[in-house]
Amino acid sequence: MEFLFQSLSAITPLSTAYKNQLKQFVIEKHYAKHQLLIGQGDKMENVYFIRKGFAVGYFYDEEKRVTSSFWSTGQFLFTALDFAINEKSSIYIELVEDSIVMALPFEHLTELNTLFPEAKAIERFLVAEQHKMYEDRLKDFLTLTGENRYLKLTKAFPDLFQKLAQKYISSYLGITKETLSRYRAKKQNLKISFLLISNSVFINQFEAAFEFL
């Protein structure tokens, strides 16, 4: 619970009474790798917090799987519509590694909102962050090249390629697998070039110092 409290405290100060009540409502669940958290057509009845693990949201366009979202350790998992209307989910949400997830049922969230001002402030903040995430993603598609979207994604999730197949990452970026492979190769070549230049500079400096002695 302490990790959850730290994340919530970063949004707004928490009263002892709120934390004690939250302890009574939150349920900790363990999920195995590739286990579904939500299936298409299920109702999302909880707000989730990923204590440990990684989740992927996706849907099917005809028979093609399209990746839509990522959530990592320390992030809250929900969709903004869940706070407004309790409709069936249009996406699948899958844990792609062994994960520990904390769940707060919406019925208890409503109760917390009526009792504690900080609960309502947290809800407003999380919904606003979710809207911002969607707006940023749309803006990225309109203004950034595929390569720049790739670089931004790998900065946000440095170990993403160790968690997910390349074809699912390319669908999130809106590019082909072949294009993604070229971006990765280019990035790797730049790293190698940087290391070679750094080593060359170090050797030259070392030789100059040795000659001075």
Protein backbone atom coordinates (compact mmCIF):
# COMPACT_ATOMS: atom_id res chain seq x y z
CA MET A 1 0.00 0.00 0.00
CA GLU A 2 2.87 2.36 0.68
CA PHE A 3 3.80 2.62 -3.01
CA LEU A 4 0.17 3.50 -3.82
CA PHE A 5 0.08 6.11 -1.06
CA GLN A 6 3.31 7.67 -2.35
CA SER A 7 1.85 7.95 -5.85
CA LEU A 8 -1.39 9.48 -4.58
CA SER A 9 0.47 11.87 -2.25
CA ALA A 10 2.31 13.23 -5.27
CA ILE A 11 -1.09 14.41 -6.52
CA THR A 12 -2.52 15.85 -3.31
CA PRO A 13 -1.98 15.51 0.47
CA LEU A 14 -3.74 12.50 1.99
CA SER A 15 -5.50 12.45 5.36
CA THR A 16 -4.99 9.51 7.70
CA ALA A 17 -8.72 8.79 7.58
CA TYR A 18 -8.65 8.57 3.77
CA LYS A 19 -5.67 6.20 3.79
CA ASN A 20 -7.30 3.97 6.39
CA GLN A 21 -10.51 3.80 4.37
CA LEU A 22 -8.61 3.12 1.16
CA LYS A 23 -6.88 0.17 2.82
CA GLN A 24 -10.30 -1.37 3.44
CA PHE A 25 -11.39 -1.01 -0.18
CA VAL A 26 -8.30 -1.80 -2.27
CA ILE A 27 -7.76 -5.41 -3.37
CA GLU A 28 -4.32 -6.67 -4.39
CA LYS A 29 -4.30 -9.15 -7.28
CA HIS A 30 -1.52 -11.19 -8.87
CA TYR A 31 -1.53 -11.88 -12.61
CA ALA A 32 0.59 -14.29 -14.61
CA LYS A 33 2.37 -13.31 -17.83
CA HIS A 34 -0.11 -12.93 -20.74
CA GLN A 35 -3.15 -13.05 -18.44
CA LEU A 36 -6.01 -10.78 -19.44
CA LEU A 37 -7.05 -8.05 -17.02
CA ILE A 38 -9.97 -7.01 -19.22
CA GLY A 39 -11.45 -8.78 -22.22
CA GLN A 40 -13.28 -7.07 -25.06
CA GLY A 41 -16.91 -6.77 -24.02
CA ASP A 42 -16.13 -6.91 -20.30
CA LYS A 43 -17.06 -4.02 -18.06
CA MET A 44 -14.15 -2.31 -16.34
CA GLU A 45 -15.44 -2.21 -12.78
CA ASN A 46 -12.25 -1.05 -11.07
CA VAL A 47 -9.57 1.60 -11.17
CA TYR A 48 -6.24 -0.21 -11.22
CA PHE A 49 -2.77 0.70 -9.99
CA ILE A 50 0.18 -1.30 -11.29
CA ARG A 51 2.35 -2.01 -8.28
CA LYS A 52 4.65 -4.17 -10.40
CA GLY A 53 4.42 -5.20 -14.02
CA PHE A 54 3.44 -4.00 -17.48
CA ALA A 55 0.10 -3.95 -19.31
CA VAL A 56 -0.86 -3.50 -22.96
CA GLY A 57 -4.18 -2.36 -24.39
CA TYR A 58 -5.21 -3.52 -27.84
CA PHE A 59 -8.17 -4.17 -30.14
CA TYR A 60 -8.78 -5.99 -33.41
CA ASP A 61 -9.43 -4.27 -36.70
CA GLU A 62 -10.97 -7.17 -38.61
CA GLU A 63 -8.28 -9.78 -37.84
CA LYS A 64 -5.39 -7.38 -37.29
CA ARG A 65 -4.33 -6.69 -33.72
CA VAL A 66 -3.74 -2.97 -33.07
CA THR A 67 -1.89 -1.81 -29.96
CA SER A 68 -3.47 1.25 -28.37
CA SER A 69 -1.98 1.75 -24.89
CA PHE A 70 0.83 0.89 -22.47
CA TRP A 71 0.88 1.01 -18.67
CA SER A 72 3.95 0.37 -16.53
CA THR A 73 4.84 0.07 -12.85
CA GLY A 74 3.54 3.01 -10.82
CA GLN A 75 0.82 4.01 -13.28
CA PHE A 76 -2.97 4.07 -12.84
CA LEU A 77 -4.88 1.99 -15.34
CA PHE A 78 -8.35 2.98 -16.50
CA THR A 79 -10.02 4.77 -19.40
CA ALA A 80 -11.53 8.21 -19.00
CA LEU A 81 -14.96 6.97 -20.14
CA ASP A 82 -15.06 4.58 -17.18
CA PHE A 83 -15.62 7.56 -14.91
CA ALA A 84 -18.52 8.83 -16.98
CA ILE A 85 -20.35 5.79 -18.34
CA ASN A 86 -20.13 2.15 -17.39
CA GLU A 87 -20.05 0.63 -20.85
CA LYS A 88 -18.48 -2.59 -22.04
CA SER A 89 -14.81 -2.35 -22.90
CA SER A 90 -13.89 -1.96 -26.57
CA ILE A 91 -10.32 -3.16 -25.93
CA TYR A 92 -8.39 -6.00 -24.37
CA ILE A 93 -5.94 -5.25 -21.57
CA GLU A 94 -3.23 -7.87 -21.09
CA LEU A 95 -0.44 -8.18 -18.52
CA VAL A 96 2.64 -9.07 -20.57
CA GLU A 97 4.72 -10.06 -17.55
CA ASP A 98 4.02 -11.40 -14.06
CA SER A 99 2.33 -8.45 -12.36
CA ILE A 100 0.89 -7.22 -9.09
CA VAL A 101 -2.13 -4.96 -9.55
CA MET A 102 -4.17 -3.08 -6.95
CA ALA A 103 -7.88 -2.68 -7.72
CA LEU A 104 -10.37 -0.16 -6.35
CA PRO A 105 -14.00 -0.93 -7.32
CA PHE A 106 -15.91 2.01 -8.80
CA GLU A 107 -18.64 1.66 -6.16
CA HIS A 108 -16.05 2.30 -3.43
CA LEU A 109 -14.49 5.12 -5.45
CA THR A 110 -17.87 6.86 -5.46
CA GLU A 111 -18.12 6.42 -1.72
CA LEU A 112 -14.64 7.84 -1.18
CA ASN A 113 -15.50 10.85 -3.34
CA THR A 114 -18.45 11.70 -1.11
CA LEU A 115 -16.42 11.39 2.09
CA PHE A 116 -12.97 12.82 1.28
CA PRO A 117 -12.08 15.96 -0.73
CA GLU A 118 -8.71 14.47 -1.66
CA ALA A 119 -10.45 11.54 -3.38
CA LYS A 120 -12.33 13.89 -5.71
CA ALA A 121 -9.15 15.87 -6.38
CA ILE A 122 -7.33 12.67 -7.32
CA GLU A 123 -10.10 11.62 -9.69
CA ARG A 124 -10.08 15.01 -11.45
CA PHE A 125 -6.30 14.86 -11.82
CA LEU A 126 -6.25 11.32 -13.22
CA VAL A 127 -9.04 12.01 -15.71
CA ALA A 128 -7.25 15.18 -16.86
CA GLU A 129 -4.00 13.24 -17.27
CA GLN A 130 -5.80 10.62 -19.33
CA HIS A 131 -7.25 13.27 -21.64
CA LYS A 132 -3.81 14.85 -21.99
CA MET A 133 -2.32 11.49 -22.91
CA TYR A 134 -4.87 11.04 -25.72
CA GLU A 135 -4.31 14.59 -26.95
CA ASP A 136 -0.53 14.14 -26.94
CA ARG A 137 -0.83 10.88 -28.87
CA LEU A 138 -3.01 12.55 -31.52
CA LYS A 139 -0.62 15.50 -31.72
CA ASP A 140 2.34 13.13 -32.14
CA PHE A 141 0.67 11.44 -35.11
CA LEU A 142 -0.09 14.80 -36.70
CA THR A 143 3.26 16.49 -36.12
CA LEU A 144 6.02 13.90 -35.60
CA THR A 145 7.67 11.58 -38.06
CA GLY A 146 7.49 7.86 -37.46
CA GLU A 147 11.12 7.89 -36.35
CA ASN A 148 10.53 10.65 -33.83
CA ARG A 149 7.50 8.80 -32.46
CA TYR A 150 9.72 5.74 -32.07
CA LEU A 151 12.42 7.72 -30.24
CA LYS A 152 9.84 9.29 -27.93
CA LEU A 153 8.33 5.88 -27.14
CA THR A 154 11.68 4.26 -26.34
CA LYS A 155 12.52 7.18 -24.07
CA ALA A 156 9.27 6.66 -22.16
CA PHE A 157 9.63 2.84 -22.07
CA PRO A 158 13.35 1.98 -22.46
CA ASP A 159 12.87 -1.79 -22.03
CA LEU A 160 9.73 -2.08 -24.17
CA PHE A 161 11.37 -4.39 -26.72
CA GLN A 162 12.17 -6.87 -23.94
CA LYS A 163 8.48 -7.00 -23.00
CA LEU A 164 6.62 -6.99 -26.29
CA ALA A 165 6.98 -8.37 -29.81
CA GLN A 166 8.14 -5.88 -32.42
CA LYS A 167 4.99 -6.29 -34.53
CA TYR A 168 2.84 -5.01 -31.64
CA ILE A 169 5.11 -2.02 -31.07
CA SER A 170 5.05 -1.12 -34.77
CA SER A 171 1.24 -1.17 -34.76
CA TYR A 172 1.23 1.29 -31.84
CA LEU A 173 3.53 3.60 -33.78
CA GLY A 174 1.51 3.28 -36.98
CA ILE A 175 4.47 1.98 -39.02
CA THR A 176 5.49 -1.34 -40.56
CA LYS A 177 7.74 -3.87 -38.84
CA GLU A 178 10.36 -3.29 -41.53
CA THR A 179 10.40 0.46 -40.89
CA LEU A 180 10.72 -0.12 -37.15
CA SER A 181 13.67 -2.46 -37.77
CA ARG A 182 15.41 0.30 -39.75
CA TYR A 183 14.85 2.80 -36.93
CA ARG A 184 16.27 0.36 -34.38
CA ALA A 185 19.30 -0.40 -36.55
CA LYS A 186 19.98 3.30 -37.06
CA LYS A 187 19.78 3.97 -33.33
CA GLN A 188 22.11 1.06 -32.61
CA ASN A 189 24.61 2.27 -35.21
CA LEU A 190 24.58 5.74 -33.67
CA LYS A 191 25.35 4.21 -30.27
CA ILE A 192 28.25 2.23 -31.72
CA SER A 193 29.62 5.32 -33.48
CA PHE A 194 29.38 7.32 -30.26
CA LEU A 195 31.24 4.62 -28.33
CA LEU A 196 33.96 4.43 -30.97
CA ILE A 197 34.42 8.21 -30.93
CA SER A 198 34.47 8.28 -27.12
CA ASN A 199 37.05 5.50 -27.00
CA SER A 200 39.19 7.25 -29.61
CA VAL A 201 39.10 10.52 -27.64
CA PHE A 202 40.02 8.68 -24.43
CA ILE A 203 42.96 6.90 -26.11
CA ASN A 204 44.26 10.16 -27.59
CA GLN A 205 44.03 11.88 -24.22
CA PHE A 206 45.78 8.96 -22.54
CA GLU A 207 48.59 8.94 -25.12
CA ALA A 208 49.06 12.69 -24.80
CA ALA A 209 49.28 12.40 -21.03
CA PHE A 210 51.75 9.53 -21.32
CA GLU A 211 53.99 11.52 -23.68
CA PHE A 212 53.91 14.44 -21.26
CA LEU A 213 55.25 12.17 -18.53
